[in-house]
Amino acid sequence: MTEADVTVQTCWDSDRLDLWRVGIHPRPDKLCTPAAIDRELQRWARERSESDRVPDFVTDEWLKEWV
């Protein structure tokens, strides 16, 4: 199931690329978008996912909603 609207594909890929945080290795053949298939982006996603760190830009956006 890699055929869908690009928005859906992007959501699937983002979910799959975050599986590292629970110790699951995402399968490259299940990724949909050219960006997610890129090895460098996969490396970045793995490091981010395993670091348990929320990027500053995300925290900043969330804080806007809480204040």
PDB file of N, CA and C in Angstrom:
ATOM      1  N   MET A   1       0.828  -1.192   0.000  1.00  0.00           N
ATOM      2  CA  MET A   1       0.000   0.000   0.000  1.00  0.00           C
ATOM      3  C   MET A   1       0.872   1.256   0.000  1.00  0.00           C
ATOM      4  N   THR A   2       1.422   1.575  -1.138  1.00  0.00           N
ATOM      5  CA  THR A   2       2.205   2.796  -1.253  1.00  0.00           C
ATOM      6  C   THR A   2       1.594   3.752  -2.262  1.00  0.00           C
ATOM      7  N   GLU A   3       0.470   3.371  -2.848  1.00  0.00           N
ATOM      8  CA  GLU A   3      -0.211   4.221  -3.822  1.00  0.00           C
ATOM      9  C   GLU A   3      -1.343   4.973  -3.125  1.00  0.00           C
ATOM     10  N   ALA A   4      -1.277   6.296  -3.159  1.00  0.00           N
ATOM     11  CA  ALA A   4      -2.323   7.120  -2.546  1.00  0.00           C
ATOM     12  C   ALA A   4      -2.039   8.580  -2.876  1.00  0.00           C
ATOM     13  N   ASP A   5      -2.921   9.441  -2.418  1.00  0.00           N
ATOM     14  CA  ASP A   5      -2.715  10.875  -2.526  1.00  0.00           C
ATOM     15  C   ASP A   5      -1.404  11.225  -1.828  1.00  0.00           C
ATOM     16  N   VAL A   6      -0.684  12.209  -2.349  1.00  0.00           N
ATOM     17  CA  VAL A   6       0.631  12.564  -1.789  1.00  0.00           C
ATOM     18  C   VAL A   6       0.538  12.961  -0.315  1.00  0.00           C
ATOM     19  N   THR A   7      -0.562  13.538   0.106  1.00  0.00           N
ATOM     20  CA  THR A   7      -0.722  13.899   1.522  1.00  0.00           C
ATOM     21  C   THR A   7      -0.766  12.642   2.386  1.00  0.00           C
ATOM     22  N   VAL A   8      -1.500  11.657   1.922  1.00  0.00           N
ATOM     23  CA  VAL A   8      -1.593  10.386   2.652  1.00  0.00           C
ATOM     24  C   VAL A   8      -0.234   9.687   2.646  1.00  0.00           C
ATOM     25  N   GLN A   9       0.442   9.690   1.507  1.00  0.00           N
ATOM     26  CA  GLN A   9       1.766   9.078   1.424  1.00  0.00           C
ATOM     27  C   GLN A   9       2.736   9.728   2.409  1.00  0.00           C
ATOM     28  N   THR A  10       2.678  11.046   2.497  1.00  0.00           N
ATOM     29  CA  THR A  10       3.565  11.765   3.408  1.00  0.00           C
ATOM     30  C   THR A  10       3.283  11.391   4.855  1.00  0.00           C
ATOM     31  N   CYS A  11       2.019  11.271   5.205  1.00  0.00           N
ATOM     32  CA  CYS A  11       1.652  10.863   6.570  1.00  0.00           C
ATOM     33  C   CYS A  11       2.126   9.443   6.854  1.00  0.00           C
ATOM     34  N   TRP A  12       1.940   8.539   5.902  1.00  0.00           N
ATOM     35  CA  TRP A  12       2.413   7.161   6.087  1.00  0.00           C
ATOM     36  C   TRP A  12       3.922   7.146   6.300  1.00  0.00           C
ATOM     37  N   ASP A  13       4.631   7.877   5.440  1.00  0.00           N
ATOM     38  CA  ASP A  13       6.090   7.896   5.551  1.00  0.00           C
ATOM     39  C   ASP A  13       6.555   8.476   6.883  1.00  0.00           C
ATOM     40  N   SER A  14       5.937   9.556   7.303  1.00  0.00           N
ATOM     41  CA  SER A  14       6.367  10.159   8.565  1.00  0.00           C
ATOM     42  C   SER A  14       6.140   9.193   9.723  1.00  0.00           C
ATOM     43  N   ASP A  15       5.046   8.468   9.682  1.00  0.00           N
ATOM     44  CA  ASP A  15       4.778   7.480  10.725  1.00  0.00           C
ATOM     45  C   ASP A  15       5.807   6.349  10.662  1.00  0.00           C
ATOM     46  N   ARG A  16       6.062   5.858   9.482  1.00  0.00           N
ATOM     47  CA  ARG A  16       7.029   4.760   9.336  1.00  0.00           C
ATOM     48  C   ARG A  16       8.431   5.176   9.757  1.00  0.00           C
ATOM     49  N   LEU A  17       8.820   6.405   9.394  1.00  0.00           N
ATOM     50  CA  LEU A  17      10.166   6.854   9.721  1.00  0.00           C
ATOM     51  C   LEU A  17      10.337   7.157  11.212  1.00  0.00           C
ATOM     52  N   ASP A  18       9.250   7.160  11.956  1.00  0.00           N
ATOM     53  CA  ASP A  18       9.333   7.368  13.401  1.00  0.00           C
ATOM     54  C   ASP A  18       9.293   6.042  14.166  1.00  0.00           C
ATOM     55  N   LEU A  19       9.207   4.937  13.459  1.00  0.00           N
ATOM     56  CA  LEU A  19       9.161   3.632  14.123  1.00  0.00           C
ATOM     57  C   LEU A  19      10.447   3.296  14.867  1.00  0.00           C
ATOM     58  N   TRP A  20      11.542   3.970  14.497  1.00  0.00           N
ATOM     59  CA  TRP A  20      12.812   3.734  15.193  1.00  0.00           C
ATOM     60  C   TRP A  20      12.672   3.958  16.695  1.00  0.00           C
ATOM     61  N   ARG A  21      11.816   4.902  17.110  1.00  0.00           N
ATOM     62  CA  ARG A  21      11.709   5.239  18.534  1.00  0.00           C
ATOM     63  C   ARG A  21      11.188   4.064  19.359  1.00  0.00           C
ATOM     64  N   VAL A  22      10.529   3.111  18.715  1.00  0.00           N
ATOM     65  CA  VAL A  22      10.046   1.923  19.430  1.00  0.00           C
ATOM     66  C   VAL A  22      10.822   0.666  19.022  1.00  0.00           C
ATOM     67  N   GLY A  23      11.990   0.881  18.386  1.00  0.00           N
ATOM     68  CA  GLY A  23      12.867  -0.230  18.047  1.00  0.00           C
ATOM     69  C   GLY A  23      12.489  -1.011  16.806  1.00  0.00           C
ATOM     70  N   ILE A  24      11.621  -0.462  15.983  1.00  0.00           N
ATOM     71  CA  ILE A  24      11.216  -1.136  14.747  1.00  0.00           C
ATOM     72  C   ILE A  24      11.946  -0.484  13.578  1.00  0.00           C
ATOM     73  N   HIS A  25      12.562  -1.291  12.737  1.00  0.00           N
ATOM     74  CA  HIS A  25      13.270  -0.798  11.564  1.00  0.00           C
ATOM     75  C   HIS A  25      12.272  -0.675  10.409  1.00  0.00           C
ATOM     76  N   PRO A  26      12.001   0.538   9.922  1.00  0.00           N
ATOM     77  CA  PRO A  26      11.064   0.685   8.813  1.00  0.00           C
ATOM     78  C   PRO A  26      11.593   0.004   7.546  1.00  0.00           C
ATOM     79  N   ARG A  27      10.700  -0.581   6.813  1.00  0.00           N
ATOM     80  CA  ARG A  27      11.069  -1.248   5.564  1.00  0.00           C
ATOM     81  C   ARG A  27      11.079  -0.236   4.425  1.00  0.00           C
ATOM     82  N   PRO A  28      12.211  -0.059   3.760  1.00  0.00           N
ATOM     83  CA  PRO A  28      12.283   0.912   2.666  1.00  0.00           C
ATOM     84  C   PRO A  28      11.279   0.654   1.545  1.00  0.00           C
ATOM     85  N   ASP A  29      10.934  -0.609   1.321  1.00  0.00           N
ATOM     86  CA  ASP A  29       9.976  -0.914   0.250  1.00  0.00           C
ATOM     87  C   ASP A  29       8.550  -0.487   0.605  1.00  0.00           C
ATOM     88  N   LYS A  30       8.323  -0.079   1.835  1.00  0.00           N
ATOM     89  CA  LYS A  30       7.004   0.401   2.256  1.00  0.00           C
ATOM     90  C   LYS A  30       6.924   1.924   2.288  1.00  0.00           C
ATOM     91  N   LEU A  31       8.031   2.603   1.965  1.00  0.00           N
ATOM     92  CA  LEU A  31       8.022   4.066   1.912  1.00  0.00           C
ATOM     93  C   LEU A  31       7.458   4.510   0.570  1.00  0.00           C
ATOM     94  N   CYS A  32       6.815   5.673   0.566  1.00  0.00           N
ATOM     95  CA  CYS A  32       6.076   6.105  -0.616  1.00  0.00           C
ATOM     96  C   CYS A  32       6.715   7.237  -1.393  1.00  0.00           C
ATOM     97  N   THR A  33       7.259   8.206  -0.701  1.00  0.00           N
ATOM     98  CA  THR A  33       7.697   9.437  -1.352  1.00  0.00           C
ATOM     99  C   THR A  33       9.205   9.412  -1.625  1.00  0.00           C
ATOM    100  N   PRO A  34       9.639  10.124  -2.653  1.00  0.00           N
ATOM    101  CA  PRO A  34      11.074  10.190  -2.943  1.00  0.00           C
ATOM    102  C   PRO A  34      11.882  10.713  -1.749  1.00  0.00           C
ATOM    103  N   ALA A  35      11.344  11.663  -1.014  1.00  0.00           N
ATOM    104  CA  ALA A  35      12.061  12.202   0.148  1.00  0.00           C
ATOM    105  C   ALA A  35      12.304  11.105   1.182  1.00  0.00           C
ATOM    106  N   ALA A  36      11.297  10.309   1.483  1.00  0.00           N
ATOM    107  CA  ALA A  36      11.434   9.264   2.500  1.00  0.00           C
ATOM    108  C   ALA A  36      12.364   8.151   2.051  1.00  0.00           C
ATOM    109  N   ILE A  37      12.465   7.934   0.767  1.00  0.00           N
ATOM    110  CA  ILE A  37      13.325   6.888   0.227  1.00  0.00           C
ATOM    111  C   ILE A  37      14.799   7.310   0.279  1.00  0.00           C
ATOM    112  N   ASP A  38      15.050   8.597   0.373  1.00  0.00           N
ATOM    113  CA  ASP A  38      16.408   9.127   0.424  1.00  0.00           C
ATOM    114  C   ASP A  38      17.134   8.636   1.688  1.00  0.00           C
ATOM    115  N   ARG A  39      18.278   8.020   1.517  1.00  0.00           N
ATOM    116  CA  ARG A  39      19.034   7.442   2.640  1.00  0.00           C
ATOM    117  C   ARG A  39      19.441   8.486   3.678  1.00  0.00           C
ATOM    118  N   GLU A  40      19.798   9.678   3.225  1.00  0.00           N
ATOM    119  CA  GLU A  40      20.211  10.732   4.160  1.00  0.00           C
ATOM    120  C   GLU A  40      19.036  11.151   5.040  1.00  0.00           C
ATOM    121  N   LEU A  41      17.855  11.284   4.459  1.00  0.00           N
ATOM    122  CA  LEU A  41      16.684  11.630   5.262  1.00  0.00           C
ATOM    123  C   LEU A  41      16.343  10.499   6.234  1.00  0.00           C
ATOM    124  N   GLN A  42      16.494   9.271   5.789  1.00  0.00           N
ATOM    125  CA  GLN A  42      16.245   8.138   6.683  1.00  0.00           C
ATOM    126  C   GLN A  42      17.210   8.158   7.867  1.00  0.00           C
ATOM    127  N   ARG A  43      18.481   8.478   7.604  1.00  0.00           N
ATOM    128  CA  ARG A  43      19.468   8.572   8.684  1.00  0.00           C
ATOM    129  C   ARG A  43      19.070   9.657   9.674  1.00  0.00           C
ATOM    130  N   TRP A  44      18.689  10.825   9.135  1.00  0.00           N
ATOM    131  CA  TRP A  44      18.267  11.937   9.989  1.00  0.00           C
ATOM    132  C   TRP A  44      17.042  11.538  10.813  1.00  0.00           C
ATOM    133  N   ALA A  45      16.070  10.889  10.172  1.00  0.00           N
ATOM    134  CA  ALA A  45      14.847  10.481  10.874  1.00  0.00           C
ATOM    135  C   ALA A  45      15.167   9.494  11.992  1.00  0.00           C
ATOM    136  N   ARG A  46      16.084   8.574  11.721  1.00  0.00           N
ATOM    137  CA  ARG A  46      16.454   7.599  12.757  1.00  0.00           C
ATOM    138  C   ARG A  46      17.108   8.298  13.945  1.00  0.00           C
ATOM    139  N   GLU A  47      18.058   9.173  13.672  1.00  0.00           N
ATOM    140  CA  GLU A  47      18.731   9.883  14.762  1.00  0.00           C
ATOM    141  C   GLU A  47      17.740  10.713  15.571  1.00  0.00           C
ATOM    142  N   ARG A  48      16.849  11.422  14.895  1.00  0.00           N
ATOM    143  CA  ARG A  48      15.863  12.246  15.579  1.00  0.00           C
ATOM    144  C   ARG A  48      14.913  11.376  16.396  1.00  0.00           C
ATOM    145  N   SER A  49      14.473  10.301  15.812  1.00  0.00           N
ATOM    146  CA  SER A  49      13.523   9.412  16.473  1.00  0.00           C
ATOM    147  C   SER A  49      14.117   8.767  17.714  1.00  0.00           C
ATOM    148  N   GLU A  50      15.363   8.345  17.623  1.00  0.00           N
ATOM    149  CA  GLU A  50      16.006   7.671  18.753  1.00  0.00           C
ATOM    150  C   GLU A  50      16.493   8.642  19.822  1.00  0.00           C
ATOM    151  N   SER A  51      16.583   9.920  19.494  1.00  0.00           N
ATOM    152  CA  SER A  51      17.122  10.883  20.456  1.00  0.00           C
ATOM    153  C   SER A  51      16.103  11.312  21.506  1.00  0.00           C
ATOM    154  N   ASP A  52      14.842  11.059  21.264  1.00  0.00           N
ATOM    155  CA  ASP A  52      13.776  11.469  22.188  1.00  0.00           C
ATOM    156  C   ASP A  52      13.717  12.990  22.340  1.00  0.00           C
ATOM    157  N   ARG A  53      14.219  13.702  21.356  1.00  0.00           N
ATOM    158  CA  ARG A  53      14.246  15.163  21.402  1.00  0.00           C
ATOM    159  C   ARG A  53      13.167  15.722  20.491  1.00  0.00           C
ATOM    160  N   VAL A  54      12.426  16.670  20.997  1.00  0.00           N
ATOM    161  CA  VAL A  54      11.431  17.367  20.187  1.00  0.00           C
ATOM    162  C   VAL A  54      12.102  18.613  19.612  1.00  0.00           C
ATOM    163  N   PRO A  55      12.085  18.775  18.285  1.00  0.00           N
ATOM    164  CA  PRO A  55      12.729  19.959  17.694  1.00  0.00           C
ATOM    165  C   PRO A  55      12.134  21.256  18.230  1.00  0.00           C
ATOM    166  N   ASP A  56      12.977  22.281  18.358  1.00  0.00           N
ATOM    167  CA  ASP A  56      12.539  23.568  18.902  1.00  0.00           C
ATOM    168  C   ASP A  56      11.350  24.148  18.149  1.00  0.00           C
ATOM    169  N   PHE A  57      11.355  24.033  16.815  1.00  0.00           N
ATOM    170  CA  PHE A  57      10.254  24.627  16.056  1.00  0.00           C
ATOM    171  C   PHE A  57       8.920  23.963  16.390  1.00  0.00           C
ATOM    172  N   VAL A  58       8.940  22.690  16.755  1.00  0.00           N
ATOM    173  CA  VAL A  58       7.699  22.006  17.145  1.00  0.00           C
ATOM    174  C   VAL A  58       7.246  22.513  18.514  1.00  0.00           C
ATOM    175  N   THR A  59       8.171  22.564  19.456  1.00  0.00           N
ATOM    176  CA  THR A  59       7.846  23.066  20.789  1.00  0.00           C
ATOM    177  C   THR A  59       7.304  24.487  20.714  1.00  0.00           C
ATOM    178  N   ASP A  60       7.931  25.319  19.901  1.00  0.00           N
ATOM    179  CA  ASP A  60       7.472  26.705  19.745  1.00  0.00           C
ATOM    180  C   ASP A  60       6.034  26.758  19.238  1.00  0.00           C
ATOM    181  N   GLU A  61       5.705  25.928  18.266  1.00  0.00           N
ATOM    182  CA  GLU A  61       4.343  25.905  17.732  1.00  0.00           C
ATOM    183  C   GLU A  61       3.353  25.422  18.784  1.00  0.00           C
ATOM    184  N   TRP A  62       3.709  24.376  19.531  1.00  0.00           N
ATOM    185  CA  TRP A  62       2.812  23.854  20.558  1.00  0.00           C
ATOM    186  C   TRP A  62       2.567  24.890  21.644  1.00  0.00           C
ATOM    187  N   LEU A  63       3.613  25.623  22.028  1.00  0.00           N
ATOM    188  CA  LEU A  63       3.463  26.627  23.071  1.00  0.00           C
ATOM    189  C   LEU A  63       2.511  27.732  22.652  1.00  0.00           C
ATOM    190  N   LYS A  64       2.483  28.081  21.373  1.00  0.00           N
ATOM    191  CA  LYS A  64       1.553  29.096  20.882  1.00  0.00           C
ATOM    192  C   LYS A  64       0.103  28.680  21.166  1.00  0.00           C
ATOM    193  N   GLU A  65      -0.171  27.401  21.049  1.00  0.00           N
ATOM    194  CA  GLU A  65      -1.534  26.903  21.263  1.00  0.00           C
ATOM    195  C   GLU A  65      -1.890  26.837  22.755  1.00  0.00           C
ATOM    196  N   TRP A  66      -0.916  26.658  23.622  1.00  0.00           N
ATOM    197  CA  TRP A  66      -1.174  26.519  25.052  1.00  0.00           C
ATOM    198  C   TRP A  66      -1.302  27.851  25.754  1.00  0.00           C
ATOM    199  N   VAL A  67      -0.726  28.889  25.169  1.00  0.00           N
ATOM    200  CA  VAL A  67      -0.706  30.199  25.833  1.00  0.00           C
ATOM    201  C   VAL A  67      -1.915  30.995  25.423  1.00  0.00           C
TER     202      VAL A  67
END
